[in-house]
Amino acid sequence: IYYCGASEDRYDIRNYRTYDYWGQGTQVTVSS
């Protein structure tokens, strides 16, 4: 599930805890 996040902070942007707002997500499925 892929989520979009928005952060007011420019630091530690690879940490999900940094983000203040989130969407509900969209499912990506990849078949082999």
Full PDB file with SEQRES, HELIX, SHEET, SSBOND, CRYST1, ORIGX, SCALE, CONECT and MASTER records, all heavy atoms in Angstrom:
SEQRES   1 A   32  ILE TYR TYR CYS GLY ALA SER GLU ASP ARG TYR ASP ILE          
SEQRES   2 A   32  ARG ASN TYR ARG THR TYR ASP TYR TRP GLY GLN GLY THR          
SEQRES   3 A   32  GLN VAL THR VAL SER SER                                      
HELIX    1 AA1 TYR A   16  THR A   18  5                                   3    
SHEET    1 AA1 2 GLY A   5  ALA A   6  0                                        
SHEET    2 AA1 2 TYR A  21  TRP A  22 -1                                        
CRYST1    1.000    1.000    1.000  90.00  90.00  90.00 P 1           1          
ORIGX1      1.000000  0.000000  0.000000        0.00000                         
ORIGX2      0.000000  1.000000  0.000000        0.00000                         
ORIGX3      0.000000  0.000000  1.000000        0.00000                         
SCALE1      1.000000  0.000000  0.000000        0.00000                         
SCALE2      0.000000  1.000000  0.000000        0.00000                         
SCALE3      0.000000  0.000000  1.000000        0.00000                         
ATOM      1  N   ILE A   1       0.862  -1.169   0.000  1.00  0.00           N  
ATOM      2  CA  ILE A   1       0.000   0.000   0.000  1.00  0.00           C  
ATOM      3  C   ILE A   1       0.901   1.222   0.000  1.00  0.00           C  
ATOM      4  O   ILE A   1       1.794   1.340   0.849  1.00  0.00           O  
ATOM      5  CB  ILE A   1      -0.945   0.027   1.210  1.00  0.00           C  
ATOM      6  CG1 ILE A   1      -1.848  -1.199   1.197  1.00  0.00           C  
ATOM      7  CG2 ILE A   1      -1.785   1.296   1.198  1.00  0.00           C  
ATOM      8  CD1 ILE A   1      -2.731  -1.318   2.425  1.00  0.00           C  
ATOM      9  N   TYR A   2       0.681   2.108  -0.933  1.00  0.00           N  
ATOM     10  CA  TYR A   2       1.492   3.310  -1.070  1.00  0.00           C  
ATOM     11  C   TYR A   2       0.752   4.494  -0.479  1.00  0.00           C  
ATOM     12  O   TYR A   2      -0.415   4.735  -0.792  1.00  0.00           O  
ATOM     13  CB  TYR A   2       1.822   3.565  -2.537  1.00  0.00           C  
ATOM     14  CG  TYR A   2       2.931   2.678  -3.038  1.00  0.00           C  
ATOM     15  CD1 TYR A   2       2.730   1.320  -3.223  1.00  0.00           C  
ATOM     16  CD2 TYR A   2       4.195   3.202  -3.308  1.00  0.00           C  
ATOM     17  CE1 TYR A   2       3.752   0.496  -3.659  1.00  0.00           C  
ATOM     18  CE2 TYR A   2       5.225   2.392  -3.751  1.00  0.00           C  
ATOM     19  CZ  TYR A   2       4.996   1.037  -3.919  1.00  0.00           C  
ATOM     20  OH  TYR A   2       6.015   0.229  -4.362  1.00  0.00           O  
ATOM     21  N   TYR A   3       1.455   5.232   0.365  1.00  0.00           N  
ATOM     22  CA  TYR A   3       0.884   6.362   1.074  1.00  0.00           C  
ATOM     23  C   TYR A   3       1.596   7.652   0.705  1.00  0.00           C  
ATOM     24  O   TYR A   3       2.818   7.681   0.589  1.00  0.00           O  
ATOM     25  CB  TYR A   3       1.015   6.184   2.589  1.00  0.00           C  
ATOM     26  CG  TYR A   3       0.238   5.025   3.151  1.00  0.00           C  
ATOM     27  CD1 TYR A   3       0.830   3.781   3.295  1.00  0.00           C  
ATOM     28  CD2 TYR A   3      -1.080   5.182   3.558  1.00  0.00           C  
ATOM     29  CE1 TYR A   3       0.128   2.713   3.821  1.00  0.00           C  
ATOM     30  CE2 TYR A   3      -1.783   4.131   4.082  1.00  0.00           C  
ATOM     31  CZ  TYR A   3      -1.171   2.891   4.212  1.00  0.00           C  
ATOM     32  OH  TYR A   3      -1.880   1.840   4.739  1.00  0.00           O  
ATOM     33  N   CYS A   4       0.833   8.681   0.571  1.00  0.00           N  
ATOM     34  CA  CYS A   4       1.348  10.022   0.384  1.00  0.00           C  
ATOM     35  C   CYS A   4       1.426  10.715   1.739  1.00  0.00           C  
ATOM     36  O   CYS A   4       0.473  10.652   2.521  1.00  0.00           O  
ATOM     37  CB  CYS A   4       0.425  10.786  -0.562  1.00  0.00           C  
ATOM     38  SG  CYS A   4       0.855  12.501  -0.844  1.00  0.00           S  
ATOM     39  N   GLY A   5       2.541  11.361   2.025  1.00  0.00           N  
ATOM     40  CA  GLY A   5       2.716  12.075   3.277  1.00  0.00           C  
ATOM     41  C   GLY A   5       3.159  13.505   3.061  1.00  0.00           C  
ATOM     42  O   GLY A   5       3.824  13.820   2.068  1.00  0.00           O  
ATOM     43  N   ALA A   6       2.809  14.366   3.995  1.00  0.00           N  
ATOM     44  CA  ALA A   6       3.190  15.775   3.964  1.00  0.00           C  
ATOM     45  C   ALA A   6       3.857  16.140   5.278  1.00  0.00           C  
ATOM     46  O   ALA A   6       3.342  15.821   6.347  1.00  0.00           O  
ATOM     47  CB  ALA A   6       1.974  16.661   3.725  1.00  0.00           C  
ATOM     48  N   SER A   7       4.994  16.820   5.197  1.00  0.00           N  
ATOM     49  CA  SER A   7       5.750  17.204   6.375  1.00  0.00           C  
ATOM     50  C   SER A   7       6.012  18.697   6.389  1.00  0.00           C  
ATOM     51  O   SER A   7       6.394  19.274   5.372  1.00  0.00           O  
ATOM     52  CB  SER A   7       7.085  16.460   6.419  1.00  0.00           C  
ATOM     53  OG  SER A   7       7.879  16.901   7.509  1.00  0.00           O  
ATOM     54  N   GLU A   8       5.830  19.305   7.552  1.00  0.00           N  
ATOM     55  CA  GLU A   8       6.185  20.700   7.743  1.00  0.00           C  
ATOM     56  C   GLU A   8       7.672  20.874   7.992  1.00  0.00           C  
ATOM     57  O   GLU A   8       8.174  21.994   7.983  1.00  0.00           O  
ATOM     58  CB  GLU A   8       5.413  21.292   8.926  1.00  0.00           C  
ATOM     59  CG  GLU A   8       3.914  21.298   8.737  1.00  0.00           C  
ATOM     60  CD  GLU A   8       3.175  21.807   9.948  1.00  0.00           C  
ATOM     61  OE1 GLU A   8       3.810  21.991  11.003  1.00  0.00           O  
ATOM     62  OE2 GLU A   8       1.956  22.022   9.844  1.00  0.00           O  
ATOM     63  N   ASP A   9       8.384  19.768   8.216  1.00  0.00           N  
ATOM     64  CA  ASP A   9       9.784  19.760   8.599  1.00  0.00           C  
ATOM     65  C   ASP A   9      10.635  19.272   7.443  1.00  0.00           C  
ATOM     66  O   ASP A   9      10.334  18.242   6.834  1.00  0.00           O  
ATOM     67  CB  ASP A   9       9.974  18.861   9.821  1.00  0.00           C  
ATOM     68  CG  ASP A   9      11.320  19.028  10.490  1.00  0.00           C  
ATOM     69  OD1 ASP A   9      12.219  19.656   9.910  1.00  0.00           O  
ATOM     70  OD2 ASP A   9      11.476  18.516  11.617  1.00  0.00           O  
ATOM     71  N   ARG A  10      11.716  19.973   7.168  1.00  0.00           N  
ATOM     72  CA  ARG A  10      12.621  19.584   6.090  1.00  0.00           C  
ATOM     73  C   ARG A  10      13.611  18.513   6.517  1.00  0.00           C  
ATOM     74  O   ARG A  10      14.312  17.951   5.657  1.00  0.00           O  
ATOM     75  CB  ARG A  10      13.398  20.796   5.581  1.00  0.00           C  
ATOM     76  CG  ARG A  10      14.272  21.440   6.644  1.00  0.00           C  
ATOM     77  CD  ARG A  10      15.126  22.548   6.063  1.00  0.00           C  
ATOM     78  NE  ARG A  10      16.176  22.021   5.207  1.00  0.00           N  
ATOM     79  CZ  ARG A  10      17.139  22.740   4.663  1.00  0.00           C  
ATOM     80  NH1 ARG A  10      17.190  24.052   4.870  1.00  0.00           N  
ATOM     81  NH2 ARG A  10      18.043  22.165   3.889  1.00  0.00           N  
ATOM     82  N   TYR A  11      13.676  18.220   7.811  1.00  0.00           N  
ATOM     83  CA  TYR A  11      14.675  17.305   8.325  1.00  0.00           C  
ATOM     84  C   TYR A  11      14.120  15.903   8.515  1.00  0.00           C  
ATOM     85  O   TYR A  11      12.927  15.718   8.759  1.00  0.00           O  
ATOM     86  CB  TYR A  11      15.232  17.824   9.646  1.00  0.00           C  
ATOM     87  CG  TYR A  11      15.828  19.195   9.531  1.00  0.00           C  
ATOM     88  CD1 TYR A  11      15.174  20.302  10.062  1.00  0.00           C  
ATOM     89  CD2 TYR A  11      17.039  19.394   8.874  1.00  0.00           C  
ATOM     90  CE1 TYR A  11      15.718  21.566   9.939  1.00  0.00           C  
ATOM     91  CE2 TYR A  11      17.577  20.654   8.748  1.00  0.00           C  
ATOM     92  CZ  TYR A  11      16.914  21.741   9.290  1.00  0.00           C  
ATOM     93  OH  TYR A  11      17.452  22.996   9.160  1.00  0.00           O  
ATOM     94  N   ASP A  12      15.016  14.915   8.422  1.00  0.00           N  
ATOM     95  CA  ASP A  12      14.697  13.519   8.656  1.00  0.00           C  
ATOM     96  C   ASP A  12      13.522  13.062   7.790  1.00  0.00           C  
ATOM     97  O   ASP A  12      12.594  12.396   8.255  1.00  0.00           O  
ATOM     98  CB  ASP A  12      14.390  13.285  10.136  1.00  0.00           C  
ATOM     99  CG  ASP A  12      14.553  11.838  10.560  1.00  0.00           C  
ATOM    100  OD1 ASP A  12      15.203  11.061   9.843  1.00  0.00           O  
ATOM    101  OD2 ASP A  12      14.025  11.487  11.641  1.00  0.00           O  
ATOM    102  N   ILE A  13      13.582  13.379   6.542  1.00  0.00           N  
ATOM    103  CA  ILE A  13      12.443  13.162   5.658  1.00  0.00           C  
ATOM    104  C   ILE A  13      12.255  11.703   5.266  1.00  0.00           C  
ATOM    105  O   ILE A  13      11.229  11.357   4.692  1.00  0.00           O  
ATOM    106  CB  ILE A  13      12.538  14.024   4.392  1.00  0.00           C  
ATOM    107  CG1 ILE A  13      13.796  13.686   3.599  1.00  0.00           C  
ATOM    108  CG2 ILE A  13      12.494  15.498   4.756  1.00  0.00           C  
ATOM    109  CD1 ILE A  13      13.835  14.334   2.231  1.00  0.00           C  
ATOM    110  N   ARG A  14      13.223  10.855   5.566  1.00  0.00           N  
ATOM    111  CA  ARG A  14      13.088   9.435   5.281  1.00  0.00           C  
ATOM    112  C   ARG A  14      12.412   8.662   6.408  1.00  0.00           C  
ATOM    113  O   ARG A  14      12.174   7.460   6.271  1.00  0.00           O  
ATOM    114  CB  ARG A  14      14.454   8.816   4.976  1.00  0.00           C  
ATOM    115  CG  ARG A  14      15.061   9.337   3.682  1.00  0.00           C  
ATOM    116  CD  ARG A  14      16.488   8.867   3.479  1.00  0.00           C  
ATOM    117  NE  ARG A  14      17.022   9.382   2.223  1.00  0.00           N  
ATOM    118  CZ  ARG A  14      17.169   8.688   1.115  1.00  0.00           C  
ATOM    119  NH1 ARG A  14      16.844   7.398   1.098  1.00  0.00           N  
ATOM    120  NH2 ARG A  14      17.638   9.251   0.016  1.00  0.00           N  
ATOM    121  N   ASN A  15      12.087   9.336   7.485  1.00  0.00           N  
ATOM    122  CA  ASN A  15      11.449   8.738   8.643  1.00  0.00           C  
ATOM    123  C   ASN A  15       9.954   9.032   8.604  1.00  0.00           C  
ATOM    124  O   ASN A  15       9.548  10.190   8.596  1.00  0.00           O  
ATOM    125  CB  ASN A  15      12.070   9.300   9.916  1.00  0.00           C  
ATOM    126  CG  ASN A  15      11.566   8.646  11.180  1.00  0.00           C  
ATOM    127  OD1 ASN A  15      10.577   7.911  11.174  1.00  0.00           O  
ATOM    128  ND2 ASN A  15      12.243   8.921  12.279  1.00  0.00           N  
ATOM    129  N   TYR A  16       9.141   7.999   8.594  1.00  0.00           N  
ATOM    130  CA  TYR A  16       7.693   8.216   8.505  1.00  0.00           C  
ATOM    131  C   TYR A  16       7.147   9.017   9.671  1.00  0.00           C  
ATOM    132  O   TYR A  16       6.115   9.689   9.524  1.00  0.00           O  
ATOM    133  CB  TYR A  16       6.956   6.881   8.375  1.00  0.00           C  
ATOM    134  CG  TYR A  16       6.889   6.049   9.633  1.00  0.00           C  
ATOM    135  CD1 TYR A  16       5.846   6.215  10.540  1.00  0.00           C  
ATOM    136  CD2 TYR A  16       7.849   5.091   9.898  1.00  0.00           C  
ATOM    137  CE1 TYR A  16       5.778   5.448  11.685  1.00  0.00           C  
ATOM    138  CE2 TYR A  16       7.785   4.323  11.039  1.00  0.00           C  
ATOM    139  CZ  TYR A  16       6.747   4.512  11.932  1.00  0.00           C  
ATOM    140  OH  TYR A  16       6.680   3.740  13.077  1.00  0.00           O  
ATOM    141  N   ARG A  17       7.829   8.965  10.816  1.00  0.00           N  
ATOM    142  CA  ARG A  17       7.367   9.705  11.990  1.00  0.00           C  
ATOM    143  C   ARG A  17       7.480  11.211  11.802  1.00  0.00           C  
ATOM    144  O   ARG A  17       6.856  11.967  12.536  1.00  0.00           O  
ATOM    145  CB  ARG A  17       8.163   9.277  13.219  1.00  0.00           C  
ATOM    146  CG  ARG A  17       8.001   7.806  13.572  1.00  0.00           C  
ATOM    147  CD  ARG A  17       8.879   7.434  14.743  1.00  0.00           C  
ATOM    148  NE  ARG A  17       8.788   6.018  15.059  1.00  0.00           N  
ATOM    149  CZ  ARG A  17       9.514   5.074  14.486  1.00  0.00           C  
ATOM    150  NH1 ARG A  17      10.403   5.395  13.554  1.00  0.00           N  
ATOM    151  NH2 ARG A  17       9.359   3.810  14.835  1.00  0.00           N  
ATOM    152  N   THR A  18       8.243  11.643  10.844  1.00  0.00           N  
ATOM    153  CA  THR A  18       8.397  13.058  10.541  1.00  0.00           C  
ATOM    154  C   THR A  18       7.130  13.663   9.950  1.00  0.00           C  
ATOM    155  O   THR A  18       6.892  14.864  10.082  1.00  0.00           O  
ATOM    156  CB  THR A  18       9.570  13.260   9.569  1.00  0.00           C  
ATOM    157  OG1 THR A  18      10.779  12.847  10.207  1.00  0.00           O  
ATOM    158  CG2 THR A  18       9.705  14.707   9.115  1.00  0.00           C  
ATOM    159  N   TYR A  19       6.322  12.846   9.327  1.00  0.00           N  
ATOM    160  CA  TYR A  19       5.219  13.355   8.522  1.00  0.00           C  
ATOM    161  C   TYR A  19       3.972  13.629   9.339  1.00  0.00           C  
ATOM    162  O   TYR A  19       3.574  12.834  10.198  1.00  0.00           O  
ATOM    163  CB  TYR A  19       4.956  12.402   7.349  1.00  0.00           C  
ATOM    164  CG  TYR A  19       6.092  12.499   6.375  1.00  0.00           C  
ATOM    165  CD1 TYR A  19       7.287  11.842   6.618  1.00  0.00           C  
ATOM    166  CD2 TYR A  19       5.999  13.321   5.263  1.00  0.00           C  
ATOM    167  CE1 TYR A  19       8.368  11.992   5.766  1.00  0.00           C  
ATOM    168  CE2 TYR A  19       7.062  13.469   4.403  1.00  0.00           C  
ATOM    169  CZ  TYR A  19       8.251  12.800   4.661  1.00  0.00           C  
ATOM    170  OH  TYR A  19       9.318  12.956   3.806  1.00  0.00           O  
ATOM    171  N   ASP A  20       3.383  14.765   9.055  1.00  0.00           N  
ATOM    172  CA  ASP A  20       2.259  15.272   9.829  1.00  0.00           C  
ATOM    173  C   ASP A  20       0.908  14.815   9.291  1.00  0.00           C  
ATOM    174  O   ASP A  20      -0.060  14.713  10.050  1.00  0.00           O  
ATOM    175  CB  ASP A  20       2.293  16.800   9.838  1.00  0.00           C  
ATOM    176  CG  ASP A  20       3.605  17.341  10.364  1.00  0.00           C  
ATOM    177  OD1 ASP A  20       3.852  17.207  11.572  1.00  0.00           O  
ATOM    178  OD2 ASP A  20       4.381  17.905   9.552  1.00  0.00           O  
ATOM    179  N   TYR A  21       0.841  14.565   8.002  1.00  0.00           N  
ATOM    180  CA  TYR A  21      -0.411  14.232   7.344  1.00  0.00           C  
ATOM    181  C   TYR A  21      -0.209  13.062   6.402  1.00  0.00           C  
ATOM    182  O   TYR A  21       0.836  12.938   5.758  1.00  0.00           O  
ATOM    183  CB  TYR A  21      -0.950  15.436   6.563  1.00  0.00           C  
ATOM    184  CG  TYR A  21      -1.075  16.677   7.402  1.00  0.00           C  
ATOM    185  CD1 TYR A  21      -0.131  17.684   7.318  1.00  0.00           C  
ATOM    186  CD2 TYR A  21      -2.137  16.829   8.284  1.00  0.00           C  
ATOM    187  CE1 TYR A  21      -0.239  18.826   8.094  1.00  0.00           C  
ATOM    188  CE2 TYR A  21      -2.247  17.964   9.066  1.00  0.00           C  
ATOM    189  CZ  TYR A  21      -1.295  18.955   8.970  1.00  0.00           C  
ATOM    190  OH  TYR A  21      -1.406  20.083   9.739  1.00  0.00           O  
ATOM    191  N   TRP A  22      -1.236  12.230   6.313  1.00  0.00           N  
ATOM    192  CA  TRP A  22      -1.199  11.049   5.465  1.00  0.00           C  
ATOM    193  C   TRP A  22      -2.505  10.866   4.723  1.00  0.00           C  
ATOM    194  O   TRP A  22      -3.575  11.185   5.236  1.00  0.00           O  
ATOM    195  CB  TRP A  22      -0.959   9.786   6.302  1.00  0.00           C  
ATOM    196  CG  TRP A  22       0.375   9.722   6.954  1.00  0.00           C  
ATOM    197  CD1 TRP A  22       0.672  10.039   8.244  1.00  0.00           C  
ATOM    198  CD2 TRP A  22       1.599   9.307   6.346  1.00  0.00           C  
ATOM    199  NE1 TRP A  22       2.008   9.840   8.485  1.00  0.00           N  
ATOM    200  CE2 TRP A  22       2.601   9.394   7.339  1.00  0.00           C  
ATOM    201  CE3 TRP A  22       1.951   8.868   5.070  1.00  0.00           C  
ATOM    202  CZ2 TRP A  22       3.932   9.060   7.090  1.00  0.00           C  
ATOM    203  CZ3 TRP A  22       3.268   8.539   4.815  1.00  0.00           C  
ATOM    204  CH2 TRP A  22       4.239   8.635   5.827  1.00  0.00           C  
ATOM    205  N   GLY A  23      -2.392  10.314   3.525  1.00  0.00           N  
ATOM    206  CA  GLY A  23      -3.566   9.838   2.838  1.00  0.00           C  
ATOM    207  C   GLY A  23      -3.940   8.450   3.312  1.00  0.00           C  
ATOM    208  O   GLY A  23      -3.291   7.859   4.183  1.00  0.00           O  
ATOM    209  N   GLN A  24      -4.996   7.908   2.735  1.00  0.00           N  
ATOM    210  CA  GLN A  24      -5.485   6.591   3.127  1.00  0.00           C  
ATOM    211  C   GLN A  24      -4.779   5.453   2.406  1.00  0.00           C  
ATOM    212  O   GLN A  24      -4.940   4.293   2.777  1.00  0.00           O  
ATOM    213  CB  GLN A  24      -6.986   6.502   2.890  1.00  0.00           C  
ATOM    214  CG  GLN A  24      -7.809   7.392   3.803  1.00  0.00           C  
ATOM    215  CD  GLN A  24      -7.571   7.089   5.264  1.00  0.00           C  
ATOM    216  OE1 GLN A  24      -7.101   7.936   6.008  1.00  0.00           O  
ATOM    217  NE2 GLN A  24      -7.880   5.875   5.683  1.00  0.00           N  
ATOM    218  N   GLY A  25      -4.010   5.753   1.396  1.00  0.00           N  
ATOM    219  CA  GLY A  25      -3.229   4.758   0.696  1.00  0.00           C  
ATOM    220  C   GLY A  25      -3.896   4.242  -0.561  1.00  0.00           C  
ATOM    221  O   GLY A  25      -5.112   4.290  -0.708  1.00  0.00           O  
ATOM    222  N   THR A  26      -3.075   3.731  -1.460  1.00  0.00           N  
ATOM    223  CA  THR A  26      -3.547   3.089  -2.672  1.00  0.00           C  
ATOM    224  C   THR A  26      -2.747   1.810  -2.884  1.00  0.00           C  
ATOM    225  O   THR A  26      -1.528   1.791  -2.730  1.00  0.00           O  
ATOM    226  CB  THR A  26      -3.451   4.040  -3.888  1.00  0.00           C  
ATOM    227  OG1 THR A  26      -4.046   3.428  -5.031  1.00  0.00           O  
ATOM    228  CG2 THR A  26      -2.009   4.419  -4.205  1.00  0.00           C  
ATOM    229  N   GLN A  27      -3.442   0.736  -3.210  1.00  0.00           N  
ATOM    230  CA  GLN A  27      -2.824  -0.588  -3.296  1.00  0.00           C  
ATOM    231  C   GLN A  27      -2.130  -0.781  -4.626  1.00  0.00           C  
ATOM    232  O   GLN A  27      -2.718  -0.544  -5.686  1.00  0.00           O  
ATOM    233  CB  GLN A  27      -3.893  -1.670  -3.110  1.00  0.00           C  
ATOM    234  CG  GLN A  27      -3.366  -3.095  -3.246  1.00  0.00           C  
ATOM    235  CD  GLN A  27      -2.508  -3.502  -2.075  1.00  0.00           C  
ATOM    236  OE1 GLN A  27      -2.953  -3.421  -0.925  1.00  0.00           O  
ATOM    237  NE2 GLN A  27      -1.280  -3.918  -2.344  1.00  0.00           N  
ATOM    238  N   VAL A  28      -0.892  -1.235  -4.557  1.00  0.00           N  
ATOM    239  CA  VAL A  28      -0.140  -1.625  -5.743  1.00  0.00           C  
ATOM    240  C   VAL A  28       0.161  -3.114  -5.638  1.00  0.00           C  
ATOM    241  O   VAL A  28       0.755  -3.567  -4.654  1.00  0.00           O  
ATOM    242  CB  VAL A  28       1.169  -0.828  -5.881  1.00  0.00           C  
ATOM    243  CG1 VAL A  28       2.028  -1.388  -7.012  1.00  0.00           C  
ATOM    244  CG2 VAL A  28       0.863   0.640  -6.117  1.00  0.00           C  
ATOM    245  N   THR A  29      -0.253  -3.860  -6.639  1.00  0.00           N  
ATOM    246  CA  THR A  29      -0.002  -5.287  -6.694  1.00  0.00           C  
ATOM    247  C   THR A  29       0.792  -5.590  -7.954  1.00  0.00           C  
ATOM    248  O   THR A  29       0.437  -5.134  -9.044  1.00  0.00           O  
ATOM    249  CB  THR A  29      -1.318  -6.079  -6.700  1.00  0.00           C  
ATOM    250  OG1 THR A  29      -2.091  -5.727  -5.548  1.00  0.00           O  
ATOM    251  CG2 THR A  29      -1.044  -7.574  -6.682  1.00  0.00           C  
ATOM    252  N   VAL A  30       1.863  -6.349  -7.812  1.00  0.00           N  
ATOM    253  CA  VAL A  30       2.732  -6.692  -8.935  1.00  0.00           C  
ATOM    254  C   VAL A  30       2.771  -8.203  -9.059  1.00  0.00           C  
ATOM    255  O   VAL A  30       3.188  -8.899  -8.132  1.00  0.00           O  
ATOM    256  CB  VAL A  30       4.151  -6.139  -8.754  1.00  0.00           C  
ATOM    257  CG1 VAL A  30       4.990  -6.432  -9.994  1.00  0.00           C  
ATOM    258  CG2 VAL A  30       4.108  -4.643  -8.479  1.00  0.00           C  
ATOM    259  N   SER A  31       2.353  -8.697 -10.191  1.00  0.00           N  
ATOM    260  CA  SER A  31       2.333 -10.130 -10.431  1.00  0.00           C  
ATOM    261  C   SER A  31       3.585 -10.568 -11.172  1.00  0.00           C  
ATOM    262  O   SER A  31       4.167  -9.801 -11.952  1.00  0.00           O  
ATOM    263  CB  SER A  31       1.095 -10.530 -11.227  1.00  0.00           C  
ATOM    264  OG  SER A  31       1.093  -9.921 -12.505  1.00  0.00           O  
ATOM    265  N   SER A  32       3.994 -11.795 -10.953  1.00  0.00           N  
ATOM    266  CA  SER A  32       5.184 -12.333 -11.593  1.00  0.00           C  
ATOM    267  C   SER A  32       4.836 -13.422 -12.581  1.00  0.00           C  
ATOM    268  O   SER A  32       3.681 -13.847 -12.685  1.00  0.00           O  
ATOM    269  CB  SER A  32       6.152 -12.867 -10.542  1.00  0.00           C  
ATOM    270  OG  SER A  32       5.555 -13.897  -9.786  1.00  0.00           O  
TER     271      SER A  32                                                      
MASTER        0    0    0    1    2    0    0    6  270    1    0    3          
END                                                                             
